[in-house]
Amino acid sequence: WVSGKDIILHIIGMIGVDGALYRSMEFMGDGVQYLSMDDRFAMTNMA
């Protein structure tokens, strides 16, 4: 039941709403293969 939405909320909860201020959030790693395109759209949407 863990989706891209849960991942990005976790990240925002971890770094804060200004944690990436004017920075590029770049996602990579072996775990990406388990994320659907819809998961990825949800995550970049909330950068």
All heavy atoms as atom14 arrays in JSON, in Angstrom:
{
  "sequence": "WVSGKDIILHIIGMIGVDGALYRSMEFMGDGVQYLSMDDRFAMTNMA",
  "atom14_mask": [
    [1, 1, 1, 1, 1, 1, 1, 1, 1, 1, 1, 1, 1, 1],
    [1, 1, 1, 1, 1, 1, 1, 0, 0, 0, 0, 0, 0, 0],
    [1, 1, 1, 1, 1, 1, 0, 0, 0, 0, 0, 0, 0, 0],
    [1, 1, 1, 1, 0, 0, 0, 0, 0, 0, 0, 0, 0, 0],
    [1, 1, 1, 1, 1, 1, 1, 1, 1, 0, 0, 0, 0, 0],
    [1, 1, 1, 1, 1, 1, 1, 1, 0, 0, 0, 0, 0, 0],
    [1, 1, 1, 1, 1, 1, 1, 1, 0, 0, 0, 0, 0, 0],
    [1, 1, 1, 1, 1, 1, 1, 1, 0, 0, 0, 0, 0, 0],
    [1, 1, 1, 1, 1, 1, 1, 1, 0, 0, 0, 0, 0, 0],
    [1, 1, 1, 1, 1, 1, 1, 1, 1, 1, 0, 0, 0, 0],
    [1, 1, 1, 1, 1, 1, 1, 1, 0, 0, 0, 0, 0, 0],
    [1, 1, 1, 1, 1, 1, 1, 1, 0, 0, 0, 0, 0, 0],
    [1, 1, 1, 1, 0, 0, 0, 0, 0, 0, 0, 0, 0, 0],
    [1, 1, 1, 1, 1, 1, 1, 1, 0, 0, 0, 0, 0, 0],
    [1, 1, 1, 1, 1, 1, 1, 1, 0, 0, 0, 0, 0, 0],
    [1, 1, 1, 1, 0, 0, 0, 0, 0, 0, 0, 0, 0, 0],
    [1, 1, 1, 1, 1, 1, 1, 0, 0, 0, 0, 0, 0, 0],
    [1, 1, 1, 1, 1, 1, 1, 1, 0, 0, 0, 0, 0, 0],
    [1, 1, 1, 1, 0, 0, 0, 0, 0, 0, 0, 0, 0, 0],
    [1, 1, 1, 1, 1, 0, 0, 0, 0, 0, 0, 0, 0, 0],
    [1, 1, 1, 1, 1, 1, 1, 1, 0, 0, 0, 0, 0, 0],
    [1, 1, 1, 1, 1, 1, 1, 1, 1, 1, 1, 1, 0, 0],
    [1, 1, 1, 1, 1, 1, 1, 1, 1, 1, 1, 0, 0, 0],
    [1, 1, 1, 1, 1, 1, 0, 0, 0, 0, 0, 0, 0, 0],
    [1, 1, 1, 1, 1, 1, 1, 1, 0, 0, 0, 0, 0, 0],
    [1, 1, 1, 1, 1, 1, 1, 1, 1, 0, 0, 0, 0, 0],
    [1, 1, 1, 1, 1, 1, 1, 1, 1, 1, 1, 0, 0, 0],
    [1, 1, 1, 1, 1, 1, 1, 1, 0, 0, 0, 0, 0, 0],
    [1, 1, 1, 1, 0, 0, 0, 0, 0, 0, 0, 0, 0, 0],
    [1, 1, 1, 1, 1, 1, 1, 1, 0, 0, 0, 0, 0, 0],
    [1, 1, 1, 1, 0, 0, 0, 0, 0, 0, 0, 0, 0, 0],
    [1, 1, 1, 1, 1, 1, 1, 0, 0, 0, 0, 0, 0, 0],
    [1, 1, 1, 1, 1, 1, 1, 1, 1, 0, 0, 0, 0, 0],
    [1, 1, 1, 1, 1, 1, 1, 1, 1, 1, 1, 1, 0, 0],
    [1, 1, 1, 1, 1, 1, 1, 1, 0, 0, 0, 0, 0, 0],
    [1, 1, 1, 1, 1, 1, 0, 0, 0, 0, 0, 0, 0, 0],
    [1, 1, 1, 1, 1, 1, 1, 1, 0, 0, 0, 0, 0, 0],
    [1, 1, 1, 1, 1, 1, 1, 1, 0, 0, 0, 0, 0, 0],
    [1, 1, 1, 1, 1, 1, 1, 1, 0, 0, 0, 0, 0, 0],
    [1, 1, 1, 1, 1, 1, 1, 1, 1, 1, 1, 0, 0, 0],
    [1, 1, 1, 1, 1, 1, 1, 1, 1, 1, 1, 0, 0, 0],
    [1, 1, 1, 1, 1, 0, 0, 0, 0, 0, 0, 0, 0, 0],
    [1, 1, 1, 1, 1, 1, 1, 1, 0, 0, 0, 0, 0, 0],
    [1, 1, 1, 1, 1, 1, 1, 0, 0, 0, 0, 0, 0, 0],
    [1, 1, 1, 1, 1, 1, 1, 1, 0, 0, 0, 0, 0, 0],
    [1, 1, 1, 1, 1, 1, 1, 1, 0, 0, 0, 0, 0, 0],
    [1, 1, 1, 1, 1, 0, 0, 0, 0, 0, 0, 0, 0, 0]
  ],
  "atom14_positions": [
    [[0.8, -1.21, 0.0], [0.0, 0.0, 0.0], [0.84, 1.28, 0.0], [0.31, 2.37, 0.2], [-0.97, 0.01, 1.18], [-1.95, -1.12, 1.18], [-2.06, -2.12, 2.1], [-2.97, -1.37, 0.21], [-3.08, -2.98, 1.76], [-3.66, -2.54, 0.59], [-3.38, -0.72, -0.97], [-4.72, -3.07, -0.13], [-4.44, -1.26, -1.69], [-5.09, -2.41, -1.28]],
    [[2.14, 1.16, -0.24], [3.02, 2.32, -0.28], [3.23, 2.75, -1.73], [3.7, 1.97, -2.56], [4.37, 2.02, 0.4], [5.33, 3.2, 0.23], [4.15, 1.73, 1.88], [0.0, 0.0, 0.0], [0.0, 0.0, 0.0], [0.0, 0.0, 0.0], [0.0, 0.0, 0.0], [0.0, 0.0, 0.0], [0.0, 0.0, 0.0], [0.0, 0.0, 0.0]],
    [[2.88, 3.99, -2.03], [2.95, 4.52, -3.39], [3.91, 5.7, -3.46], [4.5, 6.12, -2.47], [1.55, 4.97, -3.83], [1.14, 6.1, -3.06], [0.0, 0.0, 0.0], [0.0, 0.0, 0.0], [0.0, 0.0, 0.0], [0.0, 0.0, 0.0], [0.0, 0.0, 0.0], [0.0, 0.0, 0.0], [0.0, 0.0, 0.0], [0.0, 0.0, 0.0]],
    [[4.03, 6.25, -4.66], [4.84, 7.45, -4.83], [4.4, 8.59, -3.93], [5.24, 9.37, -3.45], [0.0, 0.0, 0.0], [0.0, 0.0, 0.0], [0.0, 0.0, 0.0], [0.0, 0.0, 0.0], [0.0, 0.0, 0.0], [0.0, 0.0, 0.0], [0.0, 0.0, 0.0], [0.0, 0.0, 0.0], [0.0, 0.0, 0.0], [0.0, 0.0, 0.0]],
    [[3.1, 8.69, -3.68], [2.59, 9.75, -2.81], [3.15, 9.6, -1.39], [3.57, 10.58, -0.76], [1.06, 9.72, -2.79], [0.39, 10.81, -1.93], [0.7, 12.2, -2.47], [-0.25, 13.28, -1.95], [-1.63, 13.15, -2.47], [0.0, 0.0, 0.0], [0.0, 0.0, 0.0], [0.0, 0.0, 0.0], [0.0, 0.0, 0.0], [0.0, 0.0, 0.0]],
    [[3.18, 8.38, -0.9], [3.71, 8.13, 0.44], [5.2, 8.45, 0.5], [5.69, 8.99, 1.49], [3.47, 6.68, 0.83], [2.0, 6.32, 0.85], [1.26, 6.83, 1.71], [1.57, 5.53, -0.03], [0.0, 0.0, 0.0], [0.0, 0.0, 0.0], [0.0, 0.0, 0.0], [0.0, 0.0, 0.0], [0.0, 0.0, 0.0], [0.0, 0.0, 0.0]],
    [[5.93, 8.12, -0.58], [7.37, 8.36, -0.61], [7.67, 9.86, -0.56], [8.51, 10.31, 0.22], [8.0, 7.72, -1.86], [7.78, 6.21, -1.86], [9.5, 8.03, -1.92], [8.1, 5.53, -3.19], [0.0, 0.0, 0.0], [0.0, 0.0, 0.0], [0.0, 0.0, 0.0], [0.0, 0.0, 0.0], [0.0, 0.0, 0.0], [0.0, 0.0, 0.0]],
    [[6.98, 10.63, -1.38], [7.26, 12.07, -1.41], [6.78, 12.75, -0.12], [7.44, 13.68, 0.35], [6.66, 12.74, -2.68], [7.24, 14.14, -2.87], [5.14, 12.76, -2.63], [8.73, 14.17, -3.11], [0.0, 0.0, 0.0], [0.0, 0.0, 0.0], [0.0, 0.0, 0.0], [0.0, 0.0, 0.0], [0.0, 0.0, 0.0], [0.0, 0.0, 0.0]],
    [[5.67, 12.28, 0.45], [5.27, 12.85, 1.75], [6.32, 12.53, 2.81], [6.63, 13.37, 3.66], [3.9, 12.31, 2.16], [2.69, 12.87, 1.41], [1.4, 12.18, 1.87], [2.56, 14.39, 1.61], [0.0, 0.0, 0.0], [0.0, 0.0, 0.0], [0.0, 0.0, 0.0], [0.0, 0.0, 0.0], [0.0, 0.0, 0.0], [0.0, 0.0, 0.0]],
    [[6.87, 11.33, 2.77], [7.94, 10.97, 3.7], [9.14, 11.9, 3.53], [9.7, 12.38, 4.53], [8.37, 9.51, 3.46], [9.61, 9.12, 4.22], [9.59, 8.78, 5.55], [10.92, 9.04, 3.81], [10.82, 8.51, 5.95], [11.65, 8.67, 4.91], [0.0, 0.0, 0.0], [0.0, 0.0, 0.0], [0.0, 0.0, 0.0], [0.0, 0.0, 0.0]],
    [[9.51, 12.15, 2.28], [10.67, 13.01, 2.01], [10.4, 14.44, 2.49], [11.26, 15.06, 3.13], [11.01, 12.99, 0.51], [11.6, 11.63, 0.13], [11.98, 14.12, 0.15], [11.79, 11.42, -1.36], [0.0, 0.0, 0.0], [0.0, 0.0, 0.0], [0.0, 0.0, 0.0], [0.0, 0.0, 0.0], [0.0, 0.0, 0.0], [0.0, 0.0, 0.0]],
    [[9.22, 14.97, 2.19], [8.89, 16.33, 2.62], [8.85, 16.42, 4.14], [9.3, 17.39, 4.74], [7.55, 16.79, 1.99], [7.69, 16.86, 0.47], [7.14, 18.16, 2.54], [6.36, 17.03, -0.25], [0.0, 0.0, 0.0], [0.0, 0.0, 0.0], [0.0, 0.0, 0.0], [0.0, 0.0, 0.0], [0.0, 0.0, 0.0], [0.0, 0.0, 0.0]],
    [[8.31, 15.39, 4.77], [8.3, 15.35, 6.23], [9.71, 15.32, 6.8], [9.97, 15.85, 7.87], [0.0, 0.0, 0.0], [0.0, 0.0, 0.0], [0.0, 0.0, 0.0], [0.0, 0.0, 0.0], [0.0, 0.0, 0.0], [0.0, 0.0, 0.0], [0.0, 0.0, 0.0], [0.0, 0.0, 0.0], [0.0, 0.0, 0.0], [0.0, 0.0, 0.0]],
    [[10.64, 14.72, 6.05], [12.02, 14.57, 6.5], [12.83, 15.86, 6.32], [13.56, 16.27, 7.23], [12.68, 13.43, 5.7], [14.13, 13.14, 6.03], [14.75, 11.71, 5.11], [14.65, 12.29, 3.42], [0.0, 0.0, 0.0], [0.0, 0.0, 0.0], [0.0, 0.0, 0.0], [0.0, 0.0, 0.0], [0.0, 0.0, 0.0], [0.0, 0.0, 0.0]],
    [[12.68, 16.54, 5.17], [13.52, 17.71, 4.88], [12.79, 19.03, 5.08], [13.42, 20.09, 5.15], [14.11, 17.65, 3.46], [13.03, 17.81, 2.39], [14.9, 16.36, 3.26], [13.59, 17.9, 0.96], [0.0, 0.0, 0.0], [0.0, 0.0, 0.0], [0.0, 0.0, 0.0], [0.0, 0.0, 0.0], [0.0, 0.0, 0.0], [0.0, 0.0, 0.0]],
    [[11.45, 19.01, 5.16], [10.68, 20.23, 5.37], [10.24, 20.9, 4.08], [10.75, 20.59, 2.99], [0.0, 0.0, 0.0], [0.0, 0.0, 0.0], [0.0, 0.0, 0.0], [0.0, 0.0, 0.0], [0.0, 0.0, 0.0], [0.0, 0.0, 0.0], [0.0, 0.0, 0.0], [0.0, 0.0, 0.0], [0.0, 0.0, 0.0], [0.0, 0.0, 0.0]],
    [[9.31, 21.84, 4.19], [8.75, 22.48, 3.01], [9.72, 23.46, 2.34], [9.45, 23.93, 1.23], [7.42, 23.22, 3.34], [6.33, 22.24, 3.7], [7.62, 24.24, 4.46], [0.0, 0.0, 0.0], [0.0, 0.0, 0.0], [0.0, 0.0, 0.0], [0.0, 0.0, 0.0], [0.0, 0.0, 0.0], [0.0, 0.0, 0.0], [0.0, 0.0, 0.0]],
    [[10.8, 23.78, 3.0], [11.84, 24.59, 2.36], [13.17, 23.85, 2.31], [14.22, 24.44, 2.08], [12.01, 25.94, 3.07], [12.37, 25.79, 4.54], [12.41, 24.64, 5.04], [12.6, 26.82, 5.21], [0.0, 0.0, 0.0], [0.0, 0.0, 0.0], [0.0, 0.0, 0.0], [0.0, 0.0, 0.0], [0.0, 0.0, 0.0], [0.0, 0.0, 0.0]],
    [[13.11, 22.54, 2.47], [14.33, 21.74, 2.52], [15.08, 21.66, 1.21], [16.28, 21.39, 1.18], [0.0, 0.0, 0.0], [0.0, 0.0, 0.0], [0.0, 0.0, 0.0], [0.0, 0.0, 0.0], [0.0, 0.0, 0.0], [0.0, 0.0, 0.0], [0.0, 0.0, 0.0], [0.0, 0.0, 0.0], [0.0, 0.0, 0.0], [0.0, 0.0, 0.0]],
    [[14.38, 21.87, 0.1], [15.01, 21.83, -1.22], [14.92, 23.18, -1.92], [14.91, 23.25, -3.15], [14.38, 20.74, -2.08], [0.0, 0.0, 0.0], [0.0, 0.0, 0.0], [0.0, 0.0, 0.0], [0.0, 0.0, 0.0], [0.0, 0.0, 0.0], [0.0, 0.0, 0.0], [0.0, 0.0, 0.0], [0.0, 0.0, 0.0], [0.0, 0.0, 0.0]],
    [[14.86, 24.25, -1.16], [14.59, 25.57, -1.72], [15.51, 25.92, -2.89], [16.72, 25.96, -2.76], [14.73, 26.62, -0.62], [14.2, 28.02, -0.96], [12.7, 27.98, -1.25], [14.49, 28.98, 0.2], [0.0, 0.0, 0.0], [0.0, 0.0, 0.0], [0.0, 0.0, 0.0], [0.0, 0.0, 0.0], [0.0, 0.0, 0.0], [0.0, 0.0, 0.0]],
    [[14.87, 26.15, -4.03], [15.53, 26.47, -5.3], [16.6, 25.45, -5.68], [17.6, 25.77, -6.29], [16.13, 27.88, -5.34], [16.17, 28.41, -6.78], [15.11, 29.13, -7.3], [17.26, 28.15, -7.6], [15.14, 29.58, -8.62], [17.31, 28.58, -8.91], [16.25, 29.29, -9.43], [16.28, 29.71, -10.74], [0.0, 0.0, 0.0], [0.0, 0.0, 0.0]],
    [[16.39, 24.22, -5.32], [17.32, 23.16, -5.7], [16.6, 22.08, -6.5], [15.38, 21.91, -6.4], [17.97, 22.56, -4.44], [18.9, 23.56, -3.75], [19.68, 22.93, -2.64], [18.89, 22.76, -1.44], [19.38, 22.27, -0.3], [20.65, 21.9, -0.23], [18.6, 22.17, 0.77], [0.0, 0.0, 0.0], [0.0, 0.0, 0.0], [0.0, 0.0, 0.0]],
    [[17.37, 21.38, -7.28], [16.85, 20.26, -8.04], [16.83, 19.02, -7.15], [17.82, 18.69, -6.5], [17.73, 20.0, -9.27], [17.33, 18.83, -9.95], [0.0, 0.0, 0.0], [0.0, 0.0, 0.0], [0.0, 0.0, 0.0], [0.0, 0.0, 0.0], [0.0, 0.0, 0.0], [0.0, 0.0, 0.0], [0.0, 0.0, 0.0], [0.0, 0.0, 0.0]],
    [[15.69, 18.33, -7.11], [15.56, 17.08, -6.39], [15.73, 15.95, -7.4], [14.86, 15.74, -8.25], [14.21, 16.99, -5.68], [13.99, 18.11, -4.66], [12.32, 18.12, -3.94], [12.34, 16.62, -2.95], [0.0, 0.0, 0.0], [0.0, 0.0, 0.0], [0.0, 0.0, 0.0], [0.0, 0.0, 0.0], [0.0, 0.0, 0.0], [0.0, 0.0, 0.0]],
    [[16.85, 15.22, -7.33], [17.19, 14.24, -8.35], [17.06, 12.83, -7.77], [17.72, 12.48, -6.78], [18.58, 14.51, -8.9], [18.73, 15.96, -9.4], [19.65, 16.15, -10.57], [20.48, 15.26, -10.81], [19.55, 17.19, -11.25], [0.0, 0.0, 0.0], [0.0, 0.0, 0.0], [0.0, 0.0, 0.0], [0.0, 0.0, 0.0], [0.0, 0.0, 0.0]],
    [[16.19, 12.01, -8.38], [15.85, 10.69, -7.87], [16.52, 9.61, -8.71], [16.4, 9.59, -9.94], [14.34, 10.48, -7.87], [13.59, 11.49, -7.04], [12.97, 12.59, -7.64], [13.5, 11.36, -5.67], [12.27, 13.52, -6.89], [12.8, 12.29, -4.9], [12.2, 13.36, -5.51], [0.0, 0.0, 0.0], [0.0, 0.0, 0.0], [0.0, 0.0, 0.0]],
    [[17.2, 8.69, -8.04], [17.87, 7.59, -8.74], [18.04, 6.44, -7.77], [17.59, 6.49, -6.64], [19.21, 8.07, -9.3], [20.15, 8.65, -8.26], [21.46, 9.65, -9.04], [20.58, 11.19, -9.33], [0.0, 0.0, 0.0], [0.0, 0.0, 0.0], [0.0, 0.0, 0.0], [0.0, 0.0, 0.0], [0.0, 0.0, 0.0], [0.0, 0.0, 0.0]],
    [[18.7, 5.38, -8.2], [18.92, 4.24, -7.33], [18.14, 3.01, -7.76], [17.22, 3.07, -8.58], [0.0, 0.0, 0.0], [0.0, 0.0, 0.0], [0.0, 0.0, 0.0], [0.0, 0.0, 0.0], [0.0, 0.0, 0.0], [0.0, 0.0, 0.0], [0.0, 0.0, 0.0], [0.0, 0.0, 0.0], [0.0, 0.0, 0.0], [0.0, 0.0, 0.0]],
    [[18.49, 1.85, -7.18], [17.89, 0.57, -7.57], [16.39, 0.51, -7.26], [15.65, -0.24, -7.9], [18.6, -0.58, -6.84], [20.04, -0.76, -7.29], [20.37, -0.28, -8.38], [20.83, -1.36, -6.53], [0.0, 0.0, 0.0], [0.0, 0.0, 0.0], [0.0, 0.0, 0.0], [0.0, 0.0, 0.0], [0.0, 0.0, 0.0], [0.0, 0.0, 0.0]],
    [[15.94, 1.3, -6.3], [14.53, 1.28, -5.94], [13.61, 1.9, -6.98], [12.4, 1.63, -6.98], [0.0, 0.0, 0.0], [0.0, 0.0, 0.0], [0.0, 0.0, 0.0], [0.0, 0.0, 0.0], [0.0, 0.0, 0.0], [0.0, 0.0, 0.0], [0.0, 0.0, 0.0], [0.0, 0.0, 0.0], [0.0, 0.0, 0.0], [0.0, 0.0, 0.0]],
    [[14.17, 2.69, -7.9], [13.36, 3.35, -8.92], [12.63, 2.32, -9.79], [11.51, 2.56, -10.25], [14.23, 4.29, -9.79], [13.45, 4.81, -10.99], [14.72, 5.47, -8.95], [0.0, 0.0, 0.0], [0.0, 0.0, 0.0], [0.0, 0.0, 0.0], [0.0, 0.0, 0.0], [0.0, 0.0, 0.0], [0.0, 0.0, 0.0], [0.0, 0.0, 0.0]],
    [[13.25, 1.17, -10.0], [12.65, 0.15, -10.87], [11.28, -0.32, -10.37], [10.48, -0.84, -11.15], [13.59, -1.05, -11.0], [13.8, -1.8, -9.69], [14.78, -2.95, -9.84], [14.57, -3.87, -10.63], [15.85, -2.92, -9.02], [0.0, 0.0, 0.0], [0.0, 0.0, 0.0], [0.0, 0.0, 0.0], [0.0, 0.0, 0.0], [0.0, 0.0, 0.0]],
    [[11.03, -0.16, -9.08], [9.76, -0.6, -8.5], [8.69, 0.48, -8.52], [7.57, 0.25, -8.06], [9.99, -1.07, -7.06], [10.98, -2.2, -6.95], [12.22, -2.01, -6.34], [10.68, -3.45, -7.47], [13.13, -3.03, -6.24], [11.6, -4.49, -7.38], [12.82, -4.27, -6.76], [13.72, -5.31, -6.67], [0.0, 0.0, 0.0], [0.0, 0.0, 0.0]],
    [[9.02, 1.63, -9.06], [8.07, 2.74, -9.1], [7.48, 2.86, -10.49], [8.2, 2.98, -11.48], [8.76, 4.05, -8.71], [9.43, 4.08, -7.33], [10.07, 5.44, -7.09], [8.42, 3.75, -6.24], [0.0, 0.0, 0.0], [0.0, 0.0, 0.0], [0.0, 0.0, 0.0], [0.0, 0.0, 0.0], [0.0, 0.0, 0.0], [0.0, 0.0, 0.0]],
    [[6.14, 2.85, -10.57], [5.47, 3.05, -11.85], [5.65, 4.49, -12.31], [6.06, 5.36, -11.55], [3.98, 2.72, -11.72], [3.36, 3.7, -10.88], [0.0, 0.0, 0.0], [0.0, 0.0, 0.0], [0.0, 0.0, 0.0], [0.0, 0.0, 0.0], [0.0, 0.0, 0.0], [0.0, 0.0, 0.0], [0.0, 0.0, 0.0], [0.0, 0.0, 0.0]],
    [[5.3, 4.76, -13.56], [5.35, 6.14, -14.03], [4.38, 7.01, -13.23], [4.69, 8.16, -12.93], [5.01, 6.21, -15.52], [6.11, 5.67, -16.44], [7.75, 6.41, -16.16], [7.41, 8.16, -16.36], [0.0, 0.0, 0.0], [0.0, 0.0, 0.0], [0.0, 0.0, 0.0], [0.0, 0.0, 0.0], [0.0, 0.0, 0.0], [0.0, 0.0, 0.0]],
    [[3.24, 6.46, -12.87], [2.29, 7.23, -12.06], [2.87, 7.57, -10.69], [2.65, 8.67, -10.16], [0.97, 6.45, -11.9], [0.15, 6.41, -13.2], [0.6, 7.02, -14.2], [-0.92, 5.78, -13.21], [0.0, 0.0, 0.0], [0.0, 0.0, 0.0], [0.0, 0.0, 0.0], [0.0, 0.0, 0.0], [0.0, 0.0, 0.0], [0.0, 0.0, 0.0]],
    [[3.63, 6.64, -10.11], [4.33, 6.93, -8.85], [5.31, 8.09, -9.04], [5.39, 9.01, -8.22], [5.12, 5.71, -8.37], [4.26, 4.62, -7.76], [3.26, 4.95, -7.1], [4.59, 3.42, -7.94], [0.0, 0.0, 0.0], [0.0, 0.0, 0.0], [0.0, 0.0, 0.0], [0.0, 0.0, 0.0], [0.0, 0.0, 0.0], [0.0, 0.0, 0.0]],
    [[6.05, 8.04, -10.11], [7.08, 9.05, -10.36], [6.46, 10.42, -10.64], [6.97, 11.44, -10.18], [7.97, 8.61, -11.54], [8.65, 7.26, -11.3], [9.48, 6.82, -12.49], [9.78, 5.4, -12.43], [10.62, 4.76, -13.24], [11.23, 5.44, -14.2], [10.82, 3.46, -13.11], [0.0, 0.0, 0.0], [0.0, 0.0, 0.0], [0.0, 0.0, 0.0]],
    [[5.37, 10.45, -11.4], [4.67, 11.72, -11.64], [4.21, 12.34, -10.32], [4.31, 13.55, -10.12], [3.47, 11.51, -12.57], [3.81, 11.34, -14.02], [3.35, 10.24, -14.73], [4.59, 12.27, -14.68], [3.65, 10.08, -16.07], [4.89, 12.12, -16.03], [4.43, 11.02, -16.72], [0.0, 0.0, 0.0], [0.0, 0.0, 0.0], [0.0, 0.0, 0.0]],
    [[3.68, 11.51, -9.42], [3.22, 12.01, -8.12], [4.37, 12.61, -7.33], [4.22, 13.65, -6.67], [2.55, 10.89, -7.32], [0.0, 0.0, 0.0], [0.0, 0.0, 0.0], [0.0, 0.0, 0.0], [0.0, 0.0, 0.0], [0.0, 0.0, 0.0], [0.0, 0.0, 0.0], [0.0, 0.0, 0.0], [0.0, 0.0, 0.0], [0.0, 0.0, 0.0]],
    [[5.54, 11.99, -7.4], [6.69, 12.46, -6.64], [7.25, 13.77, -7.18], [7.48, 14.72, -6.44], [7.76, 11.38, -6.6], [7.38, 10.17, -5.77], [8.61, 8.84, -5.83], [10.01, 9.64, -5.01], [0.0, 0.0, 0.0], [0.0, 0.0, 0.0], [0.0, 0.0, 0.0], [0.0, 0.0, 0.0], [0.0, 0.0, 0.0], [0.0, 0.0, 0.0]],
    [[7.46, 13.84, -8.49], [8.0, 15.08, -9.05], [6.98, 16.21, -8.96], [7.35, 17.37, -8.81], [8.44, 14.88, -10.5], [7.38, 14.27, -11.26], [9.68, 14.01, -10.58], [0.0, 0.0, 0.0], [0.0, 0.0, 0.0], [0.0, 0.0, 0.0], [0.0, 0.0, 0.0], [0.0, 0.0, 0.0], [0.0, 0.0, 0.0], [0.0, 0.0, 0.0]],
    [[5.7, 15.86, -9.04], [4.64, 16.86, -8.89], [4.78, 17.64, -7.59], [4.54, 18.85, -7.55], [3.28, 16.15, -8.95], [2.1, 17.07, -8.68], [1.68, 17.27, -7.53], [1.55, 17.64, -9.73], [0.0, 0.0, 0.0], [0.0, 0.0, 0.0], [0.0, 0.0, 0.0], [0.0, 0.0, 0.0], [0.0, 0.0, 0.0], [0.0, 0.0, 0.0]],
    [[5.18, 16.95, -6.53], [5.25, 17.58, -5.22], [6.65, 18.05, -4.83], [6.87, 18.43, -3.69], [4.69, 16.64, -4.15], [3.18, 16.46, -4.25], [2.43, 15.6, -2.84], [2.67, 16.8, -1.53], [0.0, 0.0, 0.0], [0.0, 0.0, 0.0], [0.0, 0.0, 0.0], [0.0, 0.0, 0.0], [0.0, 0.0, 0.0], [0.0, 0.0, 0.0]],
    [[7.57, 18.1, -5.8], [8.89, 18.66, -5.51], [8.76, 20.1, -5.02], [9.49, 20.54, -4.12], [9.78, 18.58, -6.75], [0.0, 0.0, 0.0], [0.0, 0.0, 0.0], [0.0, 0.0, 0.0], [0.0, 0.0, 0.0], [0.0, 0.0, 0.0], [0.0, 0.0, 0.0], [0.0, 0.0, 0.0], [0.0, 0.0, 0.0], [0.0, 0.0, 0.0]]
  ]
}
